């Protein structure tokens, strides 16, 4: 009996070891399968888009490449801008209305429900919405650019005669609300408005000295039922010899973008944020955040950084080589890069990644948050 009992103990011990080995093997096998699943998903995400579509199979209309270059997504359709006409077309290509113009170098700027077609280095512009032409106006000095507020104010930057330049502010009826002439601050570069159109910021650069001196000027826009008053509010500068090519309001705070940095008005001063952007290419306000498309140097891969109201980068990733267009509505941004269209929420979450089969020239949000994509072959809608 003692011998039989002694023999049973090693068998039981071996069975216990075998059970443990089998359990460990099973755990490793399950973990490997799970890891393989996630790795394969990661590889798939890097290899291609979530959806592939053929643009010619989407709604819209076809046209020649030369005509597509003249089309701009706007309202529920597109604006067609030529040297002699500015016309609003439906997504079927039917003309709704048009305005006769005579521009040597026509340019088109759209913002929400408004658009401005102006003669670059010329002397006239026309303001439109989807219902028709709002007004057309001549100017005394050559037009350099135009900016539009959410409320429908049109800020037109022109040469200034004996001044460096002027910023003329128009209302939706074509009435001039103010004319600011820059005698000491240098050449006006760009304009930005806050969300309720009560603040206007103007970037200028003075090149009369040994180094360029940048300025950001802030104006208050006060309106009542009978009148609108525009007044000087503040002026800011920095010791850096930079040019502020873009301005963005987040709330009531203005941000100024140079070619390689971001500056912010804080405590009455313009201070540089601690972000490392070698070459800033595009800037867009999306919700309460800023979308910055940048690259490490010229001709390098573009990246997208999302910066929140606390000046922290909450999202940062490579996006591609050639940026064709960027547009936003509310808390959603659409970005056309190479032959892909990304739909991105204001917090950086990608909600759509669409691969297309043609080169995209321009994109814009239209009715019901659809996208209008103008490609080399025509106009297309993307849900």
Protein backbone atom coordinates (compact mmCIF):
# COMPACT_ATOMS: atom_id res chain seq x y z
CA UNK A 1 0.00 0.00 0.00
CA UNK A 2 2.80 2.39 0.83
CA UNK A 3 4.46 1.75 -2.52
CA UNK A 4 1.21 2.40 -4.47
CA UNK A 5 0.64 5.64 -2.59
CA UNK A 6 4.20 6.78 -3.23
CA UNK A 7 3.77 6.13 -6.96
CA UNK A 8 0.54 8.18 -7.17
CA UNK A 9 2.11 11.33 -5.80
CA UNK A 10 4.49 11.96 -8.72
CA UNK A 11 1.63 11.36 -11.22
CA UNK A 12 -0.55 13.92 -9.45
CA UNK A 13 2.33 16.36 -9.39
CA UNK A 14 2.95 15.89 -13.12
CA UNK A 15 -0.76 16.38 -13.90
CA UNK A 16 -0.73 19.65 -11.95
CA UNK A 17 2.29 20.91 -13.91
CA UNK A 18 0.68 19.93 -17.19
CA UNK A 19 -2.50 21.85 -16.29
CA UNK A 20 -0.49 24.97 -15.50
CA UNK A 21 1.47 24.71 -18.76
CA UNK A 22 -1.74 24.30 -20.77
CA UNK A 23 -3.31 27.33 -19.06
CA UNK A 24 -0.23 29.49 -19.72
CA UNK A 25 -0.18 28.36 -23.36
CA UNK A 26 -3.86 29.20 -23.73
CA UNK A 27 -3.37 32.68 -22.23
CA UNK A 28 -0.42 33.34 -24.55
CA UNK A 29 -2.42 32.12 -27.55
CA UNK A 30 -5.40 34.36 -26.70
CA UNK A 31 -3.13 37.36 -26.11
CA UNK A 32 -1.38 36.74 -29.45
CA UNK A 33 -4.69 36.59 -31.30
CA UNK A 34 -5.89 39.83 -29.68
CA UNK A 35 -2.57 41.55 -30.39
CA UNK A 36 -2.62 40.34 -33.99
CA UNK A 37 -6.15 41.73 -34.40
CA UNK A 38 -5.19 45.21 -33.20
CA UNK A 39 -1.95 45.25 -35.18
CA UNK A 40 -3.82 44.29 -38.36
CA UNK A 41 -6.36 47.08 -37.70
CA UNK A 42 -3.52 49.55 -37.19
CA UNK A 43 -1.89 48.47 -40.45
CA UNK A 44 -5.20 48.79 -42.29
CA UNK A 45 -5.68 52.31 -40.89
CA UNK A 46 -2.28 53.34 -42.13
CA UNK A 47 -2.67 51.76 -45.53
CA UNK A 48 -5.91 53.33 -46.67
CA UNK A 49 -9.06 55.32 -46.07
CA UNK A 50 -12.26 54.12 -44.46
CA UNK A 51 -14.18 54.72 -47.69
CA UNK A 52 -13.23 54.87 -51.37
CA UNK A 53 -15.52 56.74 -53.77
CA UNK A 54 -15.51 57.62 -57.43
CA UNK A 55 -16.16 61.35 -57.68
CA UNK A 56 -17.67 61.13 -61.15
CA UNK A 57 -20.34 58.83 -59.71
CA UNK A 58 -21.46 61.40 -57.13
CA UNK A 59 -24.11 64.10 -57.59
CA UNK A 60 -23.14 67.31 -59.38
CA UNK A 61 -22.09 68.13 -62.93
CA UNK A 62 -19.11 67.55 -65.17
CA UNK A 63 -17.01 70.25 -66.81
CA UNK A 64 -13.60 70.84 -68.32
CA UNK A 65 -10.59 71.40 -66.08
CA UNK A 66 -10.25 75.01 -67.28
CA UNK A 67 -13.83 75.71 -66.16
CA UNK A 68 -13.45 73.83 -62.85
CA UNK A 69 -10.64 76.22 -61.89
CA UNK A 70 -13.21 79.05 -61.92
CA UNK A 71 -15.69 77.34 -59.54
CA UNK A 72 -15.94 77.95 -55.79
CA UNK A 73 -18.20 75.99 -53.38
CA UNK A 74 -20.75 78.42 -51.95
CA UNK A 75 -24.12 78.23 -50.14
CA UNK A 76 -26.07 75.35 -51.77
CA UNK A 77 -24.06 75.37 -55.00
CA UNK A 78 -21.01 77.03 -56.55
CA UNK A 79 -19.89 80.44 -57.72
CA UNK A 80 -18.45 80.64 -61.22
CA UNK A 81 -16.05 83.58 -61.51
CA UNK A 82 -14.67 84.78 -64.83
CA UNK A 83 -13.28 88.09 -66.01
CA UNK A 84 -16.70 89.30 -67.15
CA UNK A 85 -19.25 87.50 -64.93
CA UNK A 86 -19.83 86.22 -61.42
CA UNK A 87 -22.62 83.63 -61.46
CA UNK A 88 -24.26 81.45 -58.81
CA UNK A 89 -24.96 77.91 -60.06
CA UNK A 90 -26.91 75.04 -58.54
CA UNK A 91 -25.28 71.64 -58.04
CA UNK A 92 -26.84 70.65 -61.36
CA UNK A 93 -25.01 73.45 -63.15
CA UNK A 94 -28.06 75.68 -63.68
CA UNK A 95 -27.52 79.42 -63.28
CA UNK A 96 -29.57 81.11 -60.55
CA UNK A 97 -28.30 84.68 -60.98
CA UNK A 98 -25.24 86.51 -62.26
CA UNK A 99 -23.49 89.85 -62.10
CA UNK A 100 -21.68 91.44 -65.02
CA UNK A 101 -18.13 92.49 -64.08
CA UNK A 102 -15.03 93.65 -65.93
CA UNK A 103 -12.10 92.45 -63.82
CA UNK A 104 -8.55 91.86 -65.03
CA UNK A 105 -7.65 89.54 -62.15
CA UNK A 106 -10.83 88.33 -60.40
CA UNK A 107 -10.56 86.64 -57.00
CA UNK A 108 -13.28 85.04 -54.88
CA UNK A 109 -13.57 84.87 -51.08
CA UNK A 110 -16.43 83.00 -49.38
CA UNK A 111 -17.47 82.95 -45.73
CA UNK A 112 -20.59 81.17 -44.52
CA UNK A 113 -23.53 82.67 -46.45
CA UNK A 114 -21.52 85.55 -47.95
CA UNK A 115 -19.07 85.94 -50.81
CA UNK A 116 -16.91 88.69 -52.25
CA UNK A 117 -15.58 88.79 -55.80
CA UNK A 118 -12.94 91.47 -56.29
CA UNK A 119 -10.46 92.62 -58.88
CA UNK A 120 -7.02 92.00 -57.38
CA UNK A 121 -4.96 95.17 -57.91
CA UNK A 122 -8.09 96.63 -59.47
CA UNK A 123 -10.71 99.10 -58.32
CA UNK A 124 -14.01 97.27 -57.83
CA UNK A 125 -15.66 94.42 -55.95
CA UNK A 126 -19.10 92.83 -55.59
CA UNK A 127 -20.70 91.32 -52.47
CA UNK A 128 -23.13 88.41 -52.79
CA UNK A 129 -25.22 85.91 -50.89
CA UNK A 130 -27.24 82.95 -52.21
CA UNK A 131 -30.25 85.22 -52.83
CA UNK A 132 -28.42 87.54 -55.18
CA UNK A 133 -26.05 90.47 -55.44
CA UNK A 134 -26.01 92.53 -52.23
CA UNK A 135 -24.06 95.45 -53.65
CA UNK A 136 -21.22 96.38 -55.98
CA UNK A 137 -18.76 99.13 -55.11
CA UNK A 138 -15.83 100.97 -56.68
CA UNK A 139 -12.80 101.97 -54.63
CA UNK A 140 -10.22 104.72 -55.05
CA UNK A 141 -7.08 102.65 -54.52
CA UNK A 142 -6.03 99.17 -55.67
CA UNK A 143 -7.66 96.26 -53.83
CA UNK A 144 -5.30 93.81 -52.15
CA UNK A 145 -7.70 91.46 -50.32
CA UNK A 146 -11.09 91.12 -48.65
CA UNK A 147 -12.34 89.56 -45.39
CA UNK A 148 -15.92 88.84 -44.28
CA UNK A 149 -17.41 88.60 -40.78
CA UNK A 150 -20.17 86.26 -39.59
CA UNK A 151 -22.52 89.24 -39.50
CA UNK A 152 -21.80 90.21 -43.09
CA UNK A 153 -19.30 93.03 -42.65
CA UNK A 154 -16.86 93.28 -45.57
CA UNK A 155 -13.34 94.53 -44.79
CA UNK A 156 -11.50 95.52 -47.97
CA UNK A 157 -7.75 96.17 -47.84
CA UNK A 158 -6.51 98.65 -50.44
CA UNK A 159 -3.46 100.74 -51.21
CA UNK A 160 -3.58 104.03 -49.38
CA UNK A 161 -2.43 106.84 -51.66
CA UNK A 162 -0.28 108.87 -49.28
CA UNK A 163 -0.72 106.23 -46.54
CA UNK A 164 0.70 102.69 -46.42
CA UNK A 165 -2.79 101.31 -46.98
CA UNK A 166 -6.43 101.42 -45.94
CA UNK A 167 -9.00 99.08 -44.44
CA UNK A 168 -12.54 100.01 -45.53
CA UNK A 169 -15.41 98.38 -43.63
CA UNK A 170 -18.76 97.93 -45.41
CA UNK A 171 -22.14 96.73 -44.13
CA UNK A 172 -24.44 94.34 -46.02
CA UNK A 173 -26.01 97.25 -47.94
CA UNK A 174 -22.71 98.63 -49.16
CA UNK A 175 -22.59 101.51 -46.70
CA UNK A 176 -19.11 102.44 -45.49
CA UNK A 177 -18.92 102.00 -41.71
CA UNK A 178 -15.32 103.17 -41.36
CA UNK A 179 -12.10 103.82 -43.25
CA UNK A 180 -8.83 103.32 -41.40
CA UNK A 181 -5.71 104.69 -43.07
CA UNK A 182 -2.36 103.33 -41.90
CA UNK A 183 0.20 106.12 -41.71
CA UNK A 184 2.45 104.83 -38.93
CA UNK A 185 1.76 101.09 -38.60
CA UNK A 186 2.83 100.03 -42.08
CA UNK A 187 1.13 97.95 -44.76
CA UNK A 188 -2.15 96.21 -43.81
CA UNK A 189 -1.72 92.43 -44.27
CA UNK A 190 -4.90 90.70 -43.07
CA UNK A 191 -8.10 91.14 -41.04
CA UNK A 192 -10.08 88.96 -38.62
CA UNK A 193 -13.40 89.33 -36.79
CA UNK A 194 -14.68 87.71 -33.62
CA UNK A 195 -17.83 85.57 -33.72
CA UNK A 196 -20.35 88.35 -33.03
CA UNK A 197 -18.56 90.95 -35.20
CA UNK A 198 -17.89 93.33 -32.30
CA UNK A 199 -14.10 93.17 -32.64
CA UNK A 200 -11.91 93.58 -35.71
CA UNK A 201 -8.18 92.91 -35.71
CA UNK A 202 -5.82 94.17 -38.42
CA UNK A 203 -2.27 92.93 -38.98
CA UNK A 204 0.27 95.38 -40.41
CA UNK A 205 4.02 95.47 -40.98
CA UNK A 206 6.21 98.57 -41.07
CA UNK A 207 9.24 98.17 -43.34
CA UNK A 208 10.54 101.74 -43.21
CA UNK A 209 13.32 100.94 -40.71
CA UNK A 210 16.28 98.58 -40.69
CA UNK A 211 14.04 95.66 -39.67
CA UNK A 212 10.38 94.90 -40.25
CA UNK A 213 8.14 95.81 -37.29
CA UNK A 214 4.84 93.90 -36.97
CA UNK A 215 1.68 95.34 -35.42
CA UNK A 216 -1.73 94.01 -34.48
CA UNK A 217 -4.38 96.71 -34.20
CA UNK A 218 -7.70 96.06 -32.48
CA UNK A 219 -10.93 97.94 -33.25
CA UNK A 220 -14.26 97.89 -31.42
CA UNK A 221 -17.45 97.70 -33.51
CA UNK A 222 -20.48 98.99 -31.61
CA UNK A 223 -23.86 98.85 -33.29
CA UNK A 224 -27.41 99.85 -32.42
CA UNK A 225 -30.59 100.11 -34.48
CA UNK A 226 -29.56 103.34 -36.20
CA UNK A 227 -25.78 103.31 -36.54
CA UNK A 228 -22.49 101.45 -36.24
CA UNK A 229 -19.47 103.02 -34.57
CA UNK A 230 -15.93 101.74 -35.17
CA UNK A 231 -13.23 102.92 -32.77
CA UNK A 232 -9.56 102.27 -31.99
CA UNK A 233 -9.21 99.87 -29.06
CA UNK A 234 -5.57 98.74 -28.78
CA UNK A 235 -2.28 98.29 -30.62
CA UNK A 236 0.29 95.53 -30.02
CA UNK A 237 3.76 94.76 -31.31
CA UNK A 238 6.69 92.41 -30.60
CA UNK A 239 10.47 92.83 -30.92
CA UNK A 240 10.64 89.99 -33.44
CA UNK A 241 11.02 90.90 -37.10
CA UNK A 242 8.09 88.82 -38.38
CA UNK A 243 4.98 89.22 -40.52
CA UNK A 244 1.59 88.20 -39.11
CA UNK A 245 -0.01 86.64 -42.18
CA UNK A 246 -3.04 85.20 -40.33
CA UNK A 247 -5.22 86.33 -37.43
CA UNK A 248 -7.76 84.20 -35.55
CA UNK A 249 -10.17 85.04 -32.74
CA UNK A 250 -10.94 82.43 -30.10
CA UNK A 251 -13.66 84.08 -28.08
CA UNK A 252 -12.45 87.63 -27.54
CA UNK A 253 -8.76 86.69 -27.68
CA UNK A 254 -6.83 87.33 -30.86
CA UNK A 255 -4.04 85.02 -32.07
CA UNK A 256 -1.47 86.14 -34.65
CA UNK A 257 0.42 83.67 -36.84
CA UNK A 258 3.84 84.26 -38.33
CA UNK A 259 5.49 81.81 -40.73
CA UNK A 260 6.91 79.77 -37.84
CA UNK A 261 5.09 80.77 -34.64
CA UNK A 262 1.90 81.74 -32.85
CA UNK A 263 1.44 84.88 -30.76
CA UNK A 264 -1.41 85.64 -28.38
CA UNK A 265 -2.71 88.79 -26.73
CA UNK A 266 -2.37 88.13 -23.00
CA UNK A 267 -2.47 90.68 -20.16
CA UNK A 268 -2.24 93.57 -22.61
CA UNK A 269 0.78 92.16 -24.45
CA UNK A 270 1.44 90.06 -27.51
CA UNK A 271 3.35 86.96 -26.33
CA UNK A 272 4.69 83.98 -28.27
CA UNK A 273 3.33 80.54 -27.47
CA UNK A 274 5.69 77.65 -26.80
CA UNK A 275 4.92 75.59 -29.87
CA UNK A 276 7.38 74.28 -32.42
CA UNK A 277 6.10 74.98 -35.93
CA UNK A 278 8.80 75.45 -38.55
CA UNK A 279 6.46 76.45 -41.37
CA UNK A 280 2.80 77.38 -40.78
CA UNK A 281 0.82 76.81 -44.00
CA UNK A 282 -2.90 77.02 -43.09
CA UNK A 283 -4.87 78.23 -40.08
CA UNK A 284 -8.56 77.60 -39.38
CA UNK A 285 -10.87 78.19 -36.40
CA UNK A 286 -12.99 75.10 -35.72
CA UNK A 287 -15.41 75.36 -32.81
CA UNK A 288 -13.39 76.80 -29.93
CA UNK A 289 -10.10 75.36 -31.17
CA UNK A 290 -7.51 76.22 -33.81
CA UNK A 291 -6.47 73.89 -36.62
CA UNK A 292 -2.91 74.55 -37.77
CA UNK A 293 -1.51 72.83 -40.85
CA UNK A 294 2.28 73.03 -40.75
CA UNK A 295 5.43 71.29 -41.90
CA UNK A 296 8.92 70.91 -40.50
CA UNK A 297 10.33 72.78 -43.50
CA UNK A 298 9.45 73.72 -47.06
CA UNK A 299 8.41 70.76 -49.27
CA UNK A 300 8.11 68.46 -46.26
CA UNK A 301 5.10 66.37 -45.23
CA UNK A 302 2.20 68.44 -43.86
CA UNK A 303 1.00 67.89 -40.31
CA UNK A 304 -2.16 68.90 -38.47
CA UNK A 305 -2.08 70.29 -34.93
CA UNK A 306 -5.23 71.09 -32.95
CA UNK A 307 -4.76 73.73 -30.23
CA UNK A 308 -7.39 74.29 -27.55
CA UNK A 309 -8.32 77.47 -25.67
CA UNK A 310 -5.69 76.70 -23.02
CA UNK A 311 -3.01 76.83 -25.73
CA UNK A 312 -2.31 73.09 -25.48
CA UNK A 313 -1.80 70.86 -28.51
CA UNK A 314 -4.47 68.18 -28.10
CA UNK A 315 -3.92 66.46 -31.45
CA UNK A 316 -0.92 66.28 -33.76
CA UNK A 317 -0.41 63.96 -36.74
CA UNK A 318 0.95 63.68 -40.27
CA UNK A 319 -1.69 64.26 -42.95
CA UNK A 320 0.01 64.22 -46.36
CA UNK A 321 1.97 66.08 -49.00
CA UNK A 322 -0.36 68.44 -50.87
CA UNK A 323 -3.19 70.30 -49.11
CA UNK A 324 -5.89 71.16 -51.66
CA UNK A 325 -8.40 72.88 -49.38
CA UNK A 326 -9.66 73.31 -45.85
CA UNK A 327 -13.13 74.34 -44.73
CA UNK A 328 -15.17 74.23 -41.54
CA UNK A 329 -18.70 74.58 -40.20
CA UNK A 330 -19.45 74.63 -36.48
CA UNK A 331 -17.36 71.94 -34.79
CA UNK A 332 -16.47 70.07 -37.99
CA UNK A 333 -13.56 70.57 -40.37
CA UNK A 334 -12.97 69.05 -43.79
CA UNK A 335 -9.45 68.77 -45.10
CA UNK A 336 -8.53 67.70 -48.63
CA UNK A 337 -5.01 66.28 -48.77
CA UNK A 338 -3.57 64.50 -51.81
CA UNK A 339 -6.47 62.25 -52.92
CA UNK A 340 -8.12 61.91 -49.51
CA UNK A 341 -10.72 63.95 -47.66
CA UNK A 342 -10.64 63.94 -43.86
CA UNK A 343 -13.61 64.96 -41.72
CA UNK A 344 -12.35 66.00 -38.29
CA UNK A 345 -14.16 67.18 -35.17
CA UNK A 346 -12.87 70.22 -33.30
CA UNK A 347 -11.21 67.96 -30.69
CA UNK A 348 -9.16 66.18 -33.36
CA UNK A 349 -11.35 63.07 -33.69
CA UNK A 350 -11.43 61.84 -37.29
CA UNK A 351 -15.04 60.99 -38.16
CA UNK A 352 -14.44 60.29 -41.85
CA UNK A 353 -11.53 59.35 -44.10
CA UNK A 354 -12.50 59.22 -47.76
CA UNK A 355 -10.28 58.25 -50.68
CA UNK A 356 -11.18 59.83 -54.03
CA UNK A 357 -10.06 59.02 -57.56
CA UNK A 358 -9.41 62.57 -58.83
CA UNK A 359 -7.42 65.62 -57.83
CA UNK A 360 -9.56 67.99 -55.73
CA UNK A 361 -9.22 71.72 -56.37
CA UNK A 362 -11.52 73.12 -53.66
CA UNK A 363 -13.96 71.89 -51.02
CA UNK A 364 -16.75 73.54 -49.03
CA UNK A 365 -19.66 72.62 -46.78
CA UNK A 366 -23.09 73.02 -48.35
CA UNK A 367 -26.68 72.08 -47.42
CA UNK A 368 -27.21 69.60 -44.57
CA UNK A 369 -23.49 69.46 -43.84
CA UNK A 370 -22.71 67.82 -47.18
CA UNK A 371 -19.42 68.53 -48.88
CA UNK A 372 -19.07 70.09 -52.28
CA UNK A 373 -15.83 69.03 -53.95
CA UNK A 374 -14.62 70.77 -57.10
CA UNK A 375 -12.27 68.38 -58.87
CA UNK A 376 -10.45 68.41 -62.19
CA UNK A 377 -13.55 66.91 -63.85
CA UNK A 378 -16.36 68.96 -62.30
CA UNK A 379 -18.51 69.54 -59.21
CA UNK A 380 -19.43 66.68 -56.89
CA UNK A 381 -21.33 66.24 -53.61
CA UNK A 382 -19.94 64.03 -50.86
CA UNK A 383 -22.15 62.91 -47.98
